[in-house]
Amino acid sequence: MSVPAQTPSKEYIANGTTTAFPLEFNCDKAEYLIVTLNGEDAPVGSWTLANDTVTFNVAPLNGVVVNLERNTPFQRTTNYQLYDNSFRPSAVNKDFDLIWWKLQELGYRDQVIWLALVKEIADRIAGDDNLQNQINTIDEWLDNLQQNVNENTNDIAQLVTDLSKEIADRIQGDQILKDMFLSMIDEAINEGTINALAITHLDSLEALEGVTNVWDGRTIYVKGIGNYVYNALTSSWEVGGNSTEATLDQTGETQQQLNDASIHTVGSVAEMLALNEKFRPRTIRIKATGAMYIYDASQASINDGFYILNGWVLVGFHDRLLATLAGLKGDGSNEYTKLKALIDVSSSLNLPIDLCRLNISTSNLVASGHLKFIGTGGIKLFAGSNGTLLTSDYDIVIDGDIELDQNKASNSGGTVGSETHCTIKHTGDNLILKGAKIKPSASINVVTRAKKKVLSQDTDIDGGMITFYAISPTAKVEVLGGEYKNAHLYDNIQILNGGDVVVERVRSKDSKRSCIVIGNSTGKARIFGNYTSGAKTDGANQGGWGIVASVNSQDSVIGMNVCLNNQRGPMTVDTYPDSGPSVDNRISVFGNILGGKYNDAYATTGLGLNNVKHGNVTGNIIFSANQGILAVDSDHTLVHGNTIMDTVDFAFQGYLSPNITFKSNTVDGCTASGQAVIRFIDSTGFRCSGNTYRNLTGAASILYRVSGNTKDWIISEDDCLKLTAGSGYVFQILGAGVTGGKIRRNNYKADGVTGWQWYILSNNLAQFSTHDNEIESAGTSYISSGANVTAGDDTVNGSRNVWSAAPTAFKSRTGQVAAIAGVLKHWNGTTWA
């Protein structure tokens, strides 16, 4: 086709609504088109080309310059041949169109460049004309300036000459006047008209020695030193009377200024307050305390008993308040008044109190604001005060080797309730204890309901109904290191309702109930690396645990703890709710060493799992307990990789725990006789696999018991080696509620002895199957009362499916092949054929 004359560029000003912009020139491919917005390439994919029109997905903003320009590439891709029908009019036309398009684009660009060049030349000519006009103006101004300089030079020279002469005349006149006055003064002195009242000023003592016209009483002032008076009797100059305002030292300061800068010492605060106004510029030191004060007239009406005393303000310690400077002595007397004043000032100024190694006795303290004690020292409740040592609705920080003593022996009067005679009773935002030593109290020792943070780090707390009690549903609670012991009514550490709890590296021992307890919906607890011992059961048979996670505890980990010598047991996770449905706990218990003996008697349980949902119990060592692991209501909990040693009643029991798994554990030593080492009761869907059993020494030992309402369970790939004879059973499986069980691929061996009387003892009601197991125990019979048991393909003492008569004590597997009375037969589901 023909190519019309056209400009291959079009510019628009966007109105904010229009999206379609016609090209007004030919262009059939988007890749030949350059689209810009305010000179910047439009984003890829933001526009399309169709029917010689560019259409934007979103209208350009109002005022944006839209430029459309064709840019045909310098290339030719067609290749005409005689044999392939490629030399056609349409192809040739298109090829020529592209050439003309490119020529139009080059012509357009040449035109744009030429116009720009013409404009640039015109602008430069206009600029040169303007610059030449400025140069001409400057030349004219410089000519005028040179003329002014020439005219003024002679005037300036004459002025300098006149001024020089004037200065010389004045110097000469001043000298004449000076000489005249000195002559008149000397004459007056010689005639006695003036004598001692005449004071001459000299610059140095050397100049003083050079004075020859002297008489008794003549006074001369030496600069920077003072007045000297001539003594005719001694023929010498002596220091005369000098006022403090007049005397200067070498720094140029007067004696009064030096006095004002010095420290004045008084014996007591009362003496300081009695000083007159002359002393207000000075620093005053109280001899009794070493405290120093300066005067501030703006605070003359303030007296807080310590920091500001009628305008006298304590100085010298800007980052702390010293107990000694407040007049505290730590002499055993009741120093409540001074200590309370110090605490109030501390709260007002937000400065910590350094106890300065004092042990201060006081009545009951109630903080009036945030409070912080540092350093070394102690605070003790004065005998007969009866009640709590420190009560605060504000932040408390105790940071240092500081001992707090509720003085239990002398302060248990009145009605003692759980929070009436505490060492600390706190309800502020934050409670921080670092390195504190807290002695026994009559009530709970330390109780906090902090709203933001509780930190007890390397704190030692001895005694109290509870040694440390935190009820902090919104606070982060951290108990790190330290020792907590001798709770005389409840637990050593009790943390309730916490949402973010850490108990780590703590020693907790000798509690009336339990050593460490978290509960009441405590979540995200991390209990690591603690040591507990000596927990006892109380008169109501409560407590006795090393570590307890109770009452809806959730999303918590308990690991690497050592719990020994606790009366009921080392550890229990007992999360039954006080009311309502159970929660999904997701608690992990791992890597703990849990010893059950208490004063050489076996504890009740090594590890209790009560109401633990989706728990994980792994890598623990449990020993010397009547019961190894007791799991109750522990749905979908995984118990694996643990070592359970030296138990009496059983090593593991899963009760009311559907889908619980007991896997890859080692049981080493159990003396159970007449009862099972491993038990699953009312635990549908349990899995028991890959476990190892050794040293089962009970005379009538039973390895497994399955009973109650227990369906669809599996025991597989366990290994048991028994070295002592016994009259028990490998399996005791009882009850019509037991259905769908499978026993397979296990290995049970009694080495050289009759380890069990029966491989399986049932009651003709339980329904399960056993196959592909190996039983090696001389004298052990196969199955008793197994009318609902499907058995076969087990190897018993080297014999597999070999019967002297067709078995009737159990069911056979359909298709099972057996040698019956020396004849190979198979069970077809009805008879042996």
Foldseek 3Di string as FASTA:
>chain_A
DDADQDAQKDKDFFAQAAFKDARRHDDDDPVQKFKAKQNHGDDPPQWDDDPRIIGGPGGDHGGIMIMIGGHQDPDDDDDDDPPPPSPDVVNVVVRVNSVVVNVSNVVNVVVVVVVVVVVVVVVVVVVVVVVVVVVVVVVVVVVVVVVVCVVCPVVVVVVVVVVVVVVVVVVVVVVVVVVVVVVVVVVCCVVVVDDLVDEAEDADVVVVVVDDPADFNNWYAHPQAGIWTAHPVVRDIHGDDDDQCGHHHPVGHGNLVVVLADEAEDAAPVVVVPDDPSNQSHWYAHVQQRWIWHFDCVCQVDDLQAQAHSRTGTDDDPQAAELSSLVFDLPLDAPAVSVQSVLQVCFVSVHAYEDVQHAHEHAAEEHPGEYEYEHAYEYEYRFPSAWERYEYQAEYYYAYAYEFELPAVRHPDDDDDQHTSEPYEYEYAEYHAHNYEYEETAHAHYEYQHAAEYEHAQYEFEEHCERYYYEYLRYAYEYYEHEFEDNPHEEPAEYENHAHEEYENYEFEQHQAEYEEYEHQHENYEYEAYEYANGEQHPVRHHQEHYEYEANYAHYEHEHYEAEQTAQWHYEHYHDHPDDDHDAHAYEYAHYEIEADHPNAGHAEHYEAHLHEQYEYEHYEGERHQEYYEHENHELYEHEHYEYEHYEAANYEYELYEQYEAEHYEYEAYQHAPHERYEYENYENYEYENYEYYHHRHQAYEHYEYDYQYAQYEYEHYEYEAAYAHAHEPYEYEDLNAENYEYEHYEYEYPPAQNYQEHYEYQLRHAYEYAHYEAAGPNYYYYAQAQRYEYAHYQYNNDGQEECAPDRSHHYDAQGWHQYVNRIWGHNPPDTD
